[in-house]
PDB file of N, CA and C in Angstrom:
ATOM      1  N   MET A   1      52.532  -1.928 107.924  1.00  0.00           N
ATOM      2  CA  MET A   1      53.646  -1.080 107.543  1.00  0.00           C
ATOM      3  C   MET A   1      54.848  -1.315 108.465  1.00  0.00           C
ATOM      4  N   LYS A   2      54.582  -1.370 109.793  1.00  0.00           N
ATOM      5  CA  LYS A   2      55.673  -1.601 110.742  1.00  0.00           C
ATOM      6  C   LYS A   2      56.318  -2.966 110.498  1.00  0.00           C
ATOM      7  N   ARG A   3      55.474  -3.943 110.192  1.00  0.00           N
ATOM      8  CA  ARG A   3      55.996  -5.281 109.937  1.00  0.00           C
ATOM      9  C   ARG A   3      56.873  -5.302 108.688  1.00  0.00           C
ATOM     10  N   ALA A   4      56.455  -4.609 107.652  1.00  0.00           N
ATOM     11  CA  ALA A   4      57.231  -4.547 106.410  1.00  0.00           C
ATOM     12  C   ALA A   4      58.560  -3.856 106.643  1.00  0.00           C
ATOM     13  N   LEU A   5      58.556  -2.768 107.411  1.00  0.00           N
ATOM     14  CA  LEU A   5      59.793  -2.047 107.719  1.00  0.00           C
ATOM     15  C   LEU A   5      60.729  -2.913 108.553  1.00  0.00           C
ATOM     16  N   ALA A   6      60.180  -3.619 109.534  1.00  0.00           N
ATOM     17  CA  ALA A   6      61.005  -4.508 110.363  1.00  0.00           C
ATOM     18  C   ALA A   6      61.613  -5.611 109.500  1.00  0.00           C
ATOM     19  N   GLY A   7      60.811  -6.132 108.557  1.00  0.00           N
ATOM     20  CA  GLY A   7      61.319  -7.168 107.660  1.00  0.00           C
ATOM     21  C   GLY A   7      62.440  -6.660 106.781  1.00  0.00           C
ATOM     22  N   LEU A   8      62.286  -5.458 106.245  1.00  0.00           N
ATOM     23  CA  LEU A   8      63.339  -4.867 105.416  1.00  0.00           C
ATOM     24  C   LEU A   8      64.612  -4.632 106.219  1.00  0.00           C
ATOM     25  N   LEU A   9      64.457  -4.142 107.436  1.00  0.00           N
ATOM     26  CA  LEU A   9      65.632  -3.918 108.297  1.00  0.00           C
ATOM     27  C   LEU A   9      66.338  -5.233 108.613  1.00  0.00           C
ATOM     28  N   ALA A  10      65.554  -6.275 108.884  1.00  0.00           N
ATOM     29  CA  ALA A  10      66.153  -7.575 109.187  1.00  0.00           C
ATOM     30  C   ALA A  10      66.927  -8.111 107.986  1.00  0.00           C
ATOM     31  N   VAL A  11      66.368  -7.981 106.788  1.00  0.00           N
ATOM     32  CA  VAL A  11      67.051  -8.441 105.574  1.00  0.00           C
ATOM     33  C   VAL A  11      68.319  -7.633 105.357  1.00  0.00           C
ATOM     34  N   GLY A  12      68.239  -6.319 105.523  1.00  0.00           N
ATOM     35  CA  GLY A  12      69.418  -5.462 105.370  1.00  0.00           C
ATOM     36  C   GLY A  12      70.507  -5.824 106.357  1.00  0.00           C
ATOM     37  N   PHE A  13      70.154  -6.073 107.615  1.00  0.00           N
ATOM     38  CA  PHE A  13      71.142  -6.460 108.621  1.00  0.00           C
ATOM     39  C   PHE A  13      71.773  -7.799 108.264  1.00  0.00           C
ATOM     40  N   ALA A  14      70.939  -8.735 107.816  1.00  0.00           N
ATOM     41  CA  ALA A  14      71.466 -10.053 107.441  1.00  0.00           C
ATOM     42  C   ALA A  14      72.450  -9.931 106.289  1.00  0.00           C
ATOM     43  N   MET A  15      72.163  -9.062 105.339  1.00  0.00           N
ATOM     44  CA  MET A  15      73.080  -8.891 104.209  1.00  0.00           C
ATOM     45  C   MET A  15      74.395  -8.274 104.664  1.00  0.00           C
ATOM     46  N   LEU A  16      74.349  -7.323 105.577  1.00  0.00           N
ATOM     47  CA  LEU A  16      75.575  -6.702 106.068  1.00  0.00           C
ATOM     48  C   LEU A  16      76.400  -7.664 106.902  1.00  0.00           C
ATOM     49  N   SER A  17      75.760  -8.489 107.699  1.00  0.00           N
ATOM     50  CA  SER A  17      76.511  -9.383 108.579  1.00  0.00           C
ATOM     51  C   SER A  17      76.957 -10.655 107.876  1.00  0.00           C
ATOM     52  N   ALA A  18      76.484 -10.901 106.668  1.00  0.00           N
ATOM     53  CA  ALA A  18      76.843 -12.116 105.942  1.00  0.00           C
ATOM     54  C   ALA A  18      77.845 -11.833 104.833  1.00  0.00           C
ATOM     55  N   THR A  19      78.701 -10.854 105.025  1.00  0.00           N
ATOM     56  CA  THR A  19      79.700 -10.562 104.003  1.00  0.00           C
ATOM     57  C   THR A  19      80.694 -11.707 103.910  1.00  0.00           C
ATOM     58  N   PRO A  20      81.137 -12.055 102.720  1.00  0.00           N
ATOM     59  CA  PRO A  20      82.066 -13.176 102.569  1.00  0.00           C
ATOM     60  C   PRO A  20      83.444 -12.840 103.133  1.00  0.00           C
ATOM     61  N   ALA A  21      84.129 -13.884 103.570  1.00  0.00           N
ATOM     62  CA  ALA A  21      85.501 -13.699 104.060  1.00  0.00           C
ATOM     63  C   ALA A  21      86.410 -13.385 102.877  1.00  0.00           C
ATOM     64  N   HIS A  22      87.377 -12.531 103.102  1.00  0.00           N
ATOM     65  CA  HIS A  22      88.314 -12.171 102.040  1.00  0.00           C
ATOM     66  C   HIS A  22      89.655 -12.836 102.298  1.00  0.00           C
ATOM     67  N   ALA A  23      90.282 -13.242 101.249  1.00  0.00           N
ATOM     68  CA  ALA A  23      91.590 -13.865 101.363  1.00  0.00           C
ATOM     69  C   ALA A  23      92.620 -12.838 101.811  1.00  0.00           C
ATOM     70  N   ALA A  24      93.508 -13.268 102.654  1.00  0.00           N
ATOM     71  CA  ALA A  24      94.629 -12.419 103.055  1.00  0.00           C
ATOM     72  C   ALA A  24      95.766 -12.684 102.077  1.00  0.00           C
ATOM     73  N   SER A  25      96.506 -11.634 101.753  1.00  0.00           N
ATOM     74  CA  SER A  25      97.646 -11.805 100.852  1.00  0.00           C
ATOM     75  C   SER A  25      98.679 -10.733 101.140  1.00  0.00           C
ATOM     76  N   THR A  26      99.884 -10.999 100.702  1.00  0.00           N
ATOM     77  CA  THR A  26     100.967 -10.038 100.846  1.00  0.00           C
ATOM     78  C   THR A  26     102.021 -10.324  99.799  1.00  0.00           C
ATOM     79  N   THR A  27     102.778  -9.303  99.451  1.00  0.00           N
ATOM     80  CA  THR A  27     103.947  -9.553  98.614  1.00  0.00           C
ATOM     81  C   THR A  27     105.060 -10.059  99.521  1.00  0.00           C
ATOM     82  N   ILE A  28     105.890 -10.920  98.990  1.00  0.00           N
ATOM     83  CA  ILE A  28     106.980 -11.497  99.780  1.00  0.00           C
ATOM     84  C   ILE A  28     108.300 -11.362  99.026  1.00  0.00           C
ATOM     85  N   THR A  29     109.357 -11.224  99.779  1.00  0.00           N
ATOM     86  CA  THR A  29     110.713 -11.303  99.263  1.00  0.00           C
ATOM     87  C   THR A  29     111.372 -12.443 100.024  1.00  0.00           C
ATOM     88  N   VAL A  30     111.763 -13.478  99.304  1.00  0.00           N
ATOM     89  CA  VAL A  30     112.219 -14.709  99.952  1.00  0.00           C
ATOM     90  C   VAL A  30     113.680 -14.987  99.624  1.00  0.00           C
ATOM     91  N   PRO A  31     114.568 -14.789 100.602  1.00  0.00           N
ATOM     92  CA  PRO A  31     115.941 -15.255 100.398  1.00  0.00           C
ATOM     93  C   PRO A  31     115.986 -16.774 100.585  1.00  0.00           C
ATOM     94  N   PHE A  32     116.812 -17.432  99.819  1.00  0.00           N
ATOM     95  CA  PHE A  32     116.960 -18.883  99.950  1.00  0.00           C
ATOM     96  C   PHE A  32     118.431 -19.238  99.801  1.00  0.00           C
ATOM     97  N   LYS A  33     118.800 -20.354 100.444  1.00  0.00           N
ATOM     98  CA  LYS A  33     120.199 -20.791 100.438  1.00  0.00           C
ATOM     99  C   LYS A  33     120.299 -22.196  99.863  1.00  0.00           C
ATOM    100  N   HIS A  34     121.418 -22.453  99.220  1.00  0.00           N
ATOM    101  CA  HIS A  34     121.681 -23.766  98.637  1.00  0.00           C
ATOM    102  C   HIS A  34     121.832 -24.810  99.738  1.00  0.00           C
ATOM    103  N   ASN A  35     120.975 -25.830  99.687  1.00  0.00           N
ATOM    104  CA  ASN A  35     121.011 -26.963 100.629  1.00  0.00           C
ATOM    105  C   ASN A  35     120.970 -26.554 102.097  1.00  0.00           C
ATOM    106  N   GLN A  36     120.287 -25.457 102.405  1.00  0.00           N
ATOM    107  CA  GLN A  36     120.157 -25.008 103.793  1.00  0.00           C
ATOM    108  C   GLN A  36     118.774 -24.398 103.984  1.00  0.00           C
ATOM    109  N   ILE A  37     118.082 -24.808 105.046  1.00  0.00           N
ATOM    110  CA  ILE A  37     116.752 -24.279 105.327  1.00  0.00           C
ATOM    111  C   ILE A  37     116.870 -22.932 106.030  1.00  0.00           C
ATOM    112  N   THR A  38     116.113 -21.954 105.563  1.00  0.00           N
ATOM    113  CA  THR A  38     115.971 -20.668 106.227  1.00  0.00           C
ATOM    114  C   THR A  38     114.583 -20.652 106.858  1.00  0.00           C
ATOM    115  N   TRP A  39     114.512 -20.471 108.179  1.00  0.00           N
ATOM    116  CA  TRP A  39     113.252 -20.468 108.922  1.00  0.00           C
ATOM    117  C   TRP A  39     112.845 -19.014 109.177  1.00  0.00           C
ATOM    118  N   PHE A  40     111.735 -18.581 108.584  1.00  0.00           N
ATOM    119  CA  PHE A  40     111.241 -17.220 108.792  1.00  0.00           C
ATOM    120  C   PHE A  40     110.300 -17.205 109.990  1.00  0.00           C
ATOM    121  N   THR A  41     110.278 -16.120 110.731  1.00  0.00           N
ATOM    122  CA  THR A  41     109.516 -16.075 111.982  1.00  0.00           C
ATOM    123  C   THR A  41     108.286 -15.169 111.916  1.00  0.00           C
ATOM    124  N   THR A  42     107.960 -14.644 110.748  1.00  0.00           N
ATOM    125  CA  THR A  42     106.743 -13.840 110.616  1.00  0.00           C
ATOM    126  C   THR A  42     105.534 -14.762 110.712  1.00  0.00           C
ATOM    127  N   ALA A  43     104.754 -14.604 111.779  1.00  0.00           N
ATOM    128  CA  ALA A  43     103.574 -15.451 111.987  1.00  0.00           C
ATOM    129  C   ALA A  43     102.368 -14.875 111.254  1.00  0.00           C
ATOM    130  N   ARG A  44     101.650 -15.752 110.605  1.00  0.00           N
ATOM    131  CA  ARG A  44     100.394 -15.389 109.949  1.00  0.00           C
ATOM    132  C   ARG A  44      99.311 -16.315 110.487  1.00  0.00           C
ATOM    133  N   THR A  45      98.072 -15.840 110.530  1.00  0.00           N
ATOM    134  CA  THR A  45      96.985 -16.612 111.129  1.00  0.00           C
ATOM    135  C   THR A  45      95.910 -16.920 110.094  1.00  0.00           C
ATOM    136  N   ILE A  46      95.518 -18.190 110.053  1.00  0.00           N
ATOM    137  CA  ILE A  46      94.394 -18.622 109.228  1.00  0.00           C
ATOM    138  C   ILE A  46      93.121 -18.217 109.956  1.00  0.00           C
ATOM    139  N   THR A  47      92.252 -17.473 109.298  1.00  0.00           N
ATOM    140  CA  THR A  47      91.011 -17.026 109.939  1.00  0.00           C
ATOM    141  C   THR A  47      89.782 -17.750 109.402  1.00  0.00           C
ATOM    142  N   VAL A  48      89.911 -18.439 108.281  1.00  0.00           N
ATOM    143  CA  VAL A  48      88.788 -19.137 107.654  1.00  0.00           C
ATOM    144  C   VAL A  48      89.114 -20.624 107.583  1.00  0.00           C
ATOM    145  N   ALA A  49      88.309 -21.444 108.262  1.00  0.00           N
ATOM    146  CA  ALA A  49      88.530 -22.894 108.255  1.00  0.00           C
ATOM    147  C   ALA A  49      88.513 -23.431 106.824  1.00  0.00           C
ATOM    148  N   GLY A  50      89.409 -24.373 106.536  1.00  0.00           N
ATOM    149  CA  GLY A  50      89.497 -24.971 105.217  1.00  0.00           C
ATOM    150  C   GLY A  50      90.374 -24.211 104.240  1.00  0.00           C
ATOM    151  N   SER A  51      91.021 -23.152 104.725  1.00  0.00           N
ATOM    152  CA  SER A  51      91.852 -22.321 103.849  1.00  0.00           C
ATOM    153  C   SER A  51      93.134 -23.027 103.442  1.00  0.00           C
ATOM    154  N   ASN A  52      93.691 -22.538 102.334  1.00  0.00           N
ATOM    155  CA  ASN A  52      94.972 -23.016 101.820  1.00  0.00           C
ATOM    156  C   ASN A  52      96.023 -21.924 101.974  1.00  0.00           C
ATOM    157  N   ILE A  53      97.268 -22.334 101.928  1.00  0.00           N
ATOM    158  CA  ILE A  53      98.390 -21.400 101.808  1.00  0.00           C
ATOM    159  C   ILE A  53      98.921 -21.584 100.393  1.00  0.00           C
ATOM    160  N   ASP A  54      98.917 -20.514  99.612  1.00  0.00           N
ATOM    161  CA  ASP A  54      99.381 -20.545  98.229  1.00  0.00           C
ATOM    162  C   ASP A  54     100.484 -19.513  98.043  1.00  0.00           C
ATOM    163  N   ALA A  55     101.351 -19.755  97.078  1.00  0.00           N
ATOM    164  CA  ALA A  55     102.403 -18.788  96.754  1.00  0.00           C
ATOM    165  C   ALA A  55     102.710 -18.849  95.265  1.00  0.00           C
ATOM    166  N   GLN A  56     103.244 -17.745  94.795  1.00  0.00           N
ATOM    167  CA  GLN A  56     103.699 -17.612  93.407  1.00  0.00           C
ATOM    168  C   GLN A  56     104.942 -16.742  93.446  1.00  0.00           C
ATOM    169  N   VAL A  57     105.972 -17.114  92.709  1.00  0.00           N
ATOM    170  CA  VAL A  57     107.213 -16.337  92.703  1.00  0.00           C
ATOM    171  C   VAL A  57     107.538 -15.865  91.295  1.00  0.00           C
ATOM    172  N   ALA A  58     108.386 -14.850  91.218  1.00  0.00           N
ATOM    173  CA  ALA A  58     108.721 -14.232  89.936  1.00  0.00           C
ATOM    174  C   ALA A  58     109.655 -15.093  89.087  1.00  0.00           C
ATOM    175  N   LEU A  59     110.463 -15.919  89.718  1.00  0.00           N
ATOM    176  CA  LEU A  59     111.403 -16.781  89.005  1.00  0.00           C
ATOM    177  C   LEU A  59     111.190 -18.208  89.487  1.00  0.00           C
ATOM    178  N   GLY A  60     110.522 -19.010  88.704  1.00  0.00           N
ATOM    179  CA  GLY A  60     110.143 -20.346  89.127  1.00  0.00           C
ATOM    180  C   GLY A  60     111.251 -21.369  88.999  1.00  0.00           C
ATOM    181  N   GLY A  61     111.080 -22.457  89.771  1.00  0.00           N
ATOM    182  CA  GLY A  61     111.941 -23.610  89.637  1.00  0.00           C
ATOM    183  C   GLY A  61     113.258 -23.589  90.382  1.00  0.00           C
ATOM    184  N   VAL A  62     113.575 -22.492  91.070  1.00  0.00           N
ATOM    185  CA  VAL A  62     114.891 -22.424  91.708  1.00  0.00           C
ATOM    186  C   VAL A  62     114.849 -22.575  93.223  1.00  0.00           C
ATOM    187  N   MET A  63     113.657 -22.435  93.834  1.00  0.00           N
ATOM    188  CA  MET A  63     113.588 -22.518  95.291  1.00  0.00           C
ATOM    189  C   MET A  63     112.314 -23.212  95.728  1.00  0.00           C
ATOM    190  N   GLN A  64     112.284 -23.551  97.025  1.00  0.00           N
ATOM    191  CA  GLN A  64     111.158 -24.272  97.594  1.00  0.00           C
ATOM    192  C   GLN A  64     110.670 -23.558  98.855  1.00  0.00           C
ATOM    193  N   LEU A  65     109.358 -23.670  99.118  1.00  0.00           N
ATOM    194  CA  LEU A  65     108.764 -23.143 100.337  1.00  0.00           C
ATOM    195  C   LEU A  65     108.042 -24.256 101.073  1.00  0.00           C
ATOM    196  N   ALA A  66     107.975 -24.132 102.386  1.00  0.00           N
ATOM    197  CA  ALA A  66     107.168 -25.018 103.217  1.00  0.00           C
ATOM    198  C   ALA A  66     106.560 -24.171 104.332  1.00  0.00           C
ATOM    199  N   TRP A  67     105.404 -24.594 104.839  1.00  0.00           N
ATOM    200  CA  TRP A  67     104.826 -23.962 106.018  1.00  0.00           C
ATOM    201  C   TRP A  67     105.302 -24.746 107.234  1.00  0.00           C
ATOM    202  N   TYR A  68     105.361 -24.085 108.372  1.00  0.00           N
ATOM    203  CA  TYR A  68     105.586 -24.790 109.630  1.00  0.00           C
ATOM    204  C   TYR A  68     104.853 -24.075 110.747  1.00  0.00           C
ATOM    205  N   LYS A  69     104.555 -24.809 111.817  1.00  0.00           N
ATOM    206  CA  LYS A  69     103.897 -24.231 112.978  1.00  0.00           C
ATOM    207  C   LYS A  69     104.920 -23.352 113.686  1.00  0.00           C
ATOM    208  N   CYS A  70     104.624 -22.071 113.768  1.00  0.00           N
ATOM    209  CA  CYS A  70     105.571 -21.136 114.397  1.00  0.00           C
ATOM    210  C   CYS A  70     105.965 -21.650 115.777  1.00  0.00           C
ATOM    211  N   GLY A  71     107.252 -21.722 116.026  1.00  0.00           N
ATOM    212  CA  GLY A  71     107.753 -22.206 117.311  1.00  0.00           C
ATOM    213  C   GLY A  71     107.946 -23.715 117.384  1.00  0.00           C
ATOM    214  N   ASP A  72     107.533 -24.448 116.356  1.00  0.00           N
ATOM    215  CA  ASP A  72     107.665 -25.910 116.348  1.00  0.00           C
ATOM    216  C   ASP A  72     108.032 -26.372 114.937  1.00  0.00           C
ATOM    217  N   ARG A  73     109.309 -26.388 114.646  1.00  0.00           N
ATOM    218  CA  ARG A  73     109.771 -26.742 113.299  1.00  0.00           C
ATOM    219  C   ARG A  73     109.510 -28.201 112.933  1.00  0.00           C
ATOM    220  N   ASN A  74     109.170 -29.032 113.916  1.00  0.00           N
ATOM    221  CA  ASN A  74     108.868 -30.436 113.626  1.00  0.00           C
ATOM    222  C   ASN A  74     107.465 -30.621 113.064  1.00  0.00           C
ATOM    223  N   THR A  75     106.604 -29.619 113.236  1.00  0.00           N
ATOM    224  CA  THR A  75     105.253 -29.668 112.681  1.00  0.00           C
ATOM    225  C   THR A  75     105.245 -28.798 111.443  1.00  0.00           C
ATOM    226  N   ARG A  76     105.349 -29.456 110.277  1.00  0.00           N
ATOM    227  CA  ARG A  76     105.466 -28.688 109.043  1.00  0.00           C
ATOM    228  C   ARG A  76     105.006 -29.504 107.849  1.00  0.00           C
ATOM    229  N   GLY A  77     104.846 -28.781 106.748  1.00  0.00           N
ATOM    230  CA  GLY A  77     104.500 -29.432 105.493  1.00  0.00           C
ATOM    231  C   GLY A  77     105.758 -29.732 104.701  1.00  0.00           C
ATOM    232  N   ALA A  78     105.572 -30.454 103.634  1.00  0.00           N
ATOM    233  CA  ALA A  78     106.689 -30.780 102.738  1.00  0.00           C
ATOM    234  C   ALA A  78     107.081 -29.533 101.944  1.00  0.00           C
ATOM    235  N   PHE A  79     108.339 -29.471 101.542  1.00  0.00           N
ATOM    236  CA  PHE A  79     108.787 -28.372 100.685  1.00  0.00           C
ATOM    237  C   PHE A  79     108.165 -28.540  99.298  1.00  0.00           C
ATOM    238  N   VAL A  80     107.715 -27.415  98.745  1.00  0.00           N
ATOM    239  CA  VAL A  80     107.064 -27.380  97.439  1.00  0.00           C
ATOM    240  C   VAL A  80     107.888 -26.476  96.530  1.00  0.00           C
ATOM    241  N   ARG A  81     108.251 -26.986  95.356  1.00  0.00           N
ATOM    242  CA  ARG A  81     109.013 -26.165  94.406  1.00  0.00           C
ATOM    243  C   ARG A  81     108.119 -25.052  93.872  1.00  0.00           C
ATOM    244  N   MET A  82     108.562 -23.832  94.038  1.00  0.00           N
ATOM    245  CA  MET A  82     107.773 -22.671  93.634  1.00  0.00           C
ATOM    246  C   MET A  82     107.937 -22.382  92.148  1.00  0.00           C
ATOM    247  N   GLU A  83     106.867 -21.889  91.575  1.00  0.00           N
ATOM    248  CA  GLU A  83     106.819 -21.608  90.140  1.00  0.00           C
ATOM    249  C   GLU A  83     106.282 -20.203  89.903  1.00  0.00           C
ATOM    250  N   GLU A  84     106.220 -19.828  88.650  1.00  0.00           N
ATOM    251  CA  GLU A  84     105.686 -18.520  88.262  1.00  0.00           C
ATOM    252  C   GLU A  84     104.163 -18.529  88.202  1.00  0.00           C
ATOM    253  N   THR A  85     103.570 -19.664  88.536  1.00  0.00           N
ATOM    254  CA  THR A  85     102.120 -19.776  88.664  1.00  0.00           C
ATOM    255  C   THR A  85     101.807 -20.114  90.122  1.00  0.00           C
ATOM    256  N   ARG A  86     100.621 -19.783  90.550  1.00  0.00           N
ATOM    257  CA  ARG A  86     100.204 -19.998  91.939  1.00  0.00           C
ATOM    258  C   ARG A  86     100.172 -21.486  92.268  1.00  0.00           C
ATOM    259  N   LYS A  87     100.798 -21.861  93.401  1.00  0.00           N
ATOM    260  CA  LYS A  87     100.853 -23.260  93.835  1.00  0.00           C
ATOM    261  C   LYS A  87     100.486 -23.357  95.308  1.00  0.00           C
ATOM    262  N   HIS A  88      99.894 -24.497  95.685  1.00  0.00           N
ATOM    263  CA  HIS A  88      99.590 -24.760  97.091  1.00  0.00           C
ATOM    264  C   HIS A  88     100.883 -25.056  97.851  1.00  0.00           C
ATOM    265  N   VAL A  89     101.049 -24.412  98.983  1.00  0.00           N
ATOM    266  CA  VAL A  89     102.131 -24.738  99.915  1.00  0.00           C
ATOM    267  C   VAL A  89     101.566 -25.646 101.013  1.00  0.00           C
ATOM    268  N   GLY A  90     100.294 -25.474 101.322  1.00  0.00           N
ATOM    269  CA  GLY A  90      99.578 -26.301 102.293  1.00  0.00           C
ATOM    270  C   GLY A  90      98.086 -26.126 102.080  1.00  0.00           C
ATOM    271  N   THR A  91      97.288 -27.108 102.516  1.00  0.00           N
ATOM    272  CA  THR A  91      95.851 -27.054 102.264  1.00  0.00           C
ATOM    273  C   THR A  91      95.041 -27.406 103.505  1.00  0.00           C
ATOM    274  N   ASN A  92      93.811 -26.904 103.516  1.00  0.00           N
ATOM    275  CA  ASN A  92      92.775 -27.285 104.482  1.00  0.00           C
ATOM    276  C   ASN A  92      93.168 -27.046 105.940  1.00  0.00           C
ATOM    277  N   PHE A  93      93.561 -25.829 106.260  1.00  0.00           N
ATOM    278  CA  PHE A  93      93.957 -25.487 107.627  1.00  0.00           C
ATOM    279  C   PHE A  93      92.751 -25.129 108.481  1.00  0.00           C
ATOM    280  N   LYS A  94      92.858 -25.350 109.780  1.00  0.00           N
ATOM    281  CA  LYS A  94      91.834 -24.958 110.736  1.00  0.00           C
ATOM    282  C   LYS A  94      91.922 -23.455 110.989  1.00  0.00           C
ATOM    283  N   ALA A  95      90.778 -22.841 111.260  1.00  0.00           N
ATOM    284  CA  ALA A  95      90.769 -21.436 111.659  1.00  0.00           C
ATOM    285  C   ALA A  95      91.558 -21.308 112.961  1.00  0.00           C
ATOM    286  N   GLY A  96      92.353 -20.257 113.070  1.00  0.00           N
ATOM    287  CA  GLY A  96      93.174 -20.035 114.259  1.00  0.00           C
ATOM    288  C   GLY A  96      94.592 -20.562 114.134  1.00  0.00           C
ATOM    289  N   THR A  97      94.877 -21.325 113.084  1.00  0.00           N
ATOM    290  CA  THR A  97      96.221 -21.857 112.878  1.00  0.00           C
ATOM    291  C   THR A  97      97.202 -20.712 112.625  1.00  0.00           C
ATOM    292  N   LYS A  98      98.293 -20.703 113.362  1.00  0.00           N
ATOM    293  CA  LYS A  98      99.376 -19.741 113.119  1.00  0.00           C
ATOM    294  C   LYS A  98     100.486 -20.488 112.391  1.00  0.00           C
ATOM    295  N   PHE A  99     100.945 -19.908 111.287  1.00  0.00           N
ATOM    296  CA  PHE A  99     101.991 -20.577 110.518  1.00  0.00           C
ATOM    297  C   PHE A  99     103.098 -19.599 110.160  1.00  0.00           C
ATOM    298  N   CYS A 100     104.277 -20.163 109.926  1.00  0.00           N
ATOM    299  CA  CYS A 100     105.429 -19.428 109.416  1.00  0.00           C
ATOM    300  C   CYS A 100     105.909 -20.154 108.161  1.00  0.00           C
ATOM    301  N   LEU A 101     106.874 -19.570 107.471  1.00  0.00           N
ATOM    302  CA  LEU A 101     107.400 -20.168 106.244  1.00  0.00           C
ATOM    303  C   LEU A 101     108.873 -20.526 106.391  1.00  0.00           C
ATOM    304  N   ALA A 102     109.287 -21.480 105.600  1.00  0.00           N
ATOM    305  CA  ALA A 102     110.699 -21.869 105.499  1.00  0.00           C
ATOM    306  C   ALA A 102     111.039 -21.981 104.021  1.00  0.00           C
ATOM    307  N   SER A 103     112.300 -21.700 103.675  1.00  0.00           N
ATOM    308  CA  SER A 103     112.730 -21.810 102.274  1.00  0.00           C
ATOM    309  C   SER A 103     114.038 -22.575 102.182  1.00  0.00           C
ATOM    310  N   ASN A 104     114.300 -23.102 101.008  1.00  0.00           N
ATOM    311  CA  ASN A 104     115.602 -23.688 100.685  1.00  0.00           C
ATOM    312  C   ASN A 104     115.694 -23.857  99.170  1.00  0.00           C
ATOM    313  N   SER A 105     116.843 -24.317  98.718  1.00  0.00           N
ATOM    314  CA  SER A 105     117.016 -24.609  97.299  1.00  0.00           C
ATOM    315  C   SER A 105     118.042 -25.724  97.134  1.00  0.00           C
ATOM    316  N   PRO A 106     117.709 -26.741  96.351  1.00  0.00           N
ATOM    317  CA  PRO A 106     118.697 -27.778  96.051  1.00  0.00           C
ATOM    318  C   PRO A 106     119.674 -27.341  94.954  1.00  0.00           C
ATOM    319  N   TYR A 107     119.476 -26.131  94.394  1.00  0.00           N
ATOM    320  CA  TYR A 107     120.247 -25.719  93.224  1.00  0.00           C
ATOM    321  C   TYR A 107     121.212 -24.563  93.461  1.00  0.00           C
ATOM    322  N   THR A 108     120.755 -23.515  94.164  1.00  0.00           N
ATOM    323  CA  THR A 108     121.531 -22.282  94.218  1.00  0.00           C
ATOM    324  C   THR A 108     121.095 -21.441  95.417  1.00  0.00           C
ATOM    325  N   SER A 109     121.691 -20.297  95.595  1.00  0.00           N
ATOM    326  CA  SER A 109     121.288 -19.321  96.609  1.00  0.00           C
ATOM    327  C   SER A 109     120.818 -18.061  95.910  1.00  0.00           C
ATOM    328  N   GLY A 110     119.950 -17.305  96.556  1.00  0.00           N
ATOM    329  CA  GLY A 110     119.476 -16.059  95.972  1.00  0.00           C
ATOM    330  C   GLY A 110     118.289 -15.504  96.715  1.00  0.00           C
ATOM    331  N   THR A 111     117.581 -14.614  96.054  1.00  0.00           N
ATOM    332  CA  THR A 111     116.372 -13.991  96.593  1.00  0.00           C
ATOM    333  C   THR A 111     115.367 -13.884  95.461  1.00  0.00           C
ATOM    334  N   VAL A 112     114.111 -14.143  95.778  1.00  0.00           N
ATOM    335  CA  VAL A 112     113.062 -14.047  94.775  1.00  0.00           C
ATOM    336  C   VAL A 112     111.851 -13.355  95.407  1.00  0.00           C
ATOM    337  N   GLY A 113     111.134 -12.600  94.609  1.00  0.00           N
ATOM    338  CA  GLY A 113     109.913 -11.935  95.063  1.00  0.00           C
ATOM    339  C   GLY A 113     108.693 -12.684  94.585  1.00  0.00           C
ATOM    340  N   GLY A 114     107.564 -12.424  95.239  1.00  0.00           N
ATOM    341  CA  GLY A 114     106.332 -13.078  94.830  1.00  0.00           C
ATOM    342  C   GLY A 114     105.147 -12.644  95.664  1.00  0.00           C
ATOM    343  N   THR A 115     104.130 -13.505  95.693  1.00  0.00           N
ATOM    344  CA  THR A 115     102.900 -13.240  96.440  1.00  0.00           C
ATOM    345  C   THR A 115     102.546 -14.468  97.257  1.00  0.00           C
ATOM    346  N   LEU A 116     102.050 -14.216  98.478  1.00  0.00           N
ATOM    347  CA  LEU A 116     101.592 -15.274  99.382  1.00  0.00           C
ATOM    348  C   LEU A 116     100.130 -15.017  99.682  1.00  0.00           C
ATOM    349  N   TRP A 117      99.300 -16.074  99.603  1.00  0.00           N
ATOM    350  CA  TRP A 117      97.877 -15.975  99.931  1.00  0.00           C
ATOM    351  C   TRP A 117      97.548 -16.971 101.038  1.00  0.00           C
ATOM    352  N   TRP A 118      96.612 -16.610 101.930  1.00  0.00           N
ATOM    353  CA  TRP A 118      96.115 -17.514 102.960  1.00  0.00           C
ATOM    354  C   TRP A 118      94.759 -16.999 103.427  1.00  0.00           C
ATOM    355  N   SER A 119      94.006 -17.828 104.104  1.00  0.00           N
ATOM    356  CA  SER A 119      92.681 -17.506 104.679  1.00  0.00           C
ATOM    357  C   SER A 119      91.639 -17.137 103.646  1.00  0.00           C
ATOM    358  N   GLY A 120      90.869 -18.116 103.272  1.00  0.00           N
ATOM    359  CA  GLY A 120      89.727 -17.868 102.406  1.00  0.00           C
ATOM    360  C   GLY A 120      90.044 -17.885 100.929  1.00  0.00           C
ATOM    361  N   ASN A 121      91.205 -18.372 100.554  1.00  0.00           N
ATOM    362  CA  ASN A 121      91.575 -18.365  99.137  1.00  0.00           C
ATOM    363  C   ASN A 121      91.164 -19.639  98.452  1.00  0.00           C
TER     364      ASN A 121
END
């Protein structure tokens, strides 16, 4: 009986400690300027190795996003044209990576809202 109870407790503990990682997300409001990069300084941290940075905006095709290493604008990804569907901004990040975002537009200036996902997505 004691062995069975210990086994049940061990299984229960294993189930509680093996909960899956959840993706982090937030709504974003992104101002962008015509032919000028805007560097945002809000740092976000990747907590799950192999995670992607994804974004989706309410008005597609008018602006671009890129990730960069906060504090080092030379370490960054390519600008990705944002759409009304979810798109990768960057992929396969190491756990512990801190990143910031940058925006621009080859077409116009404005502001667009959307969603940003990272860590475990």
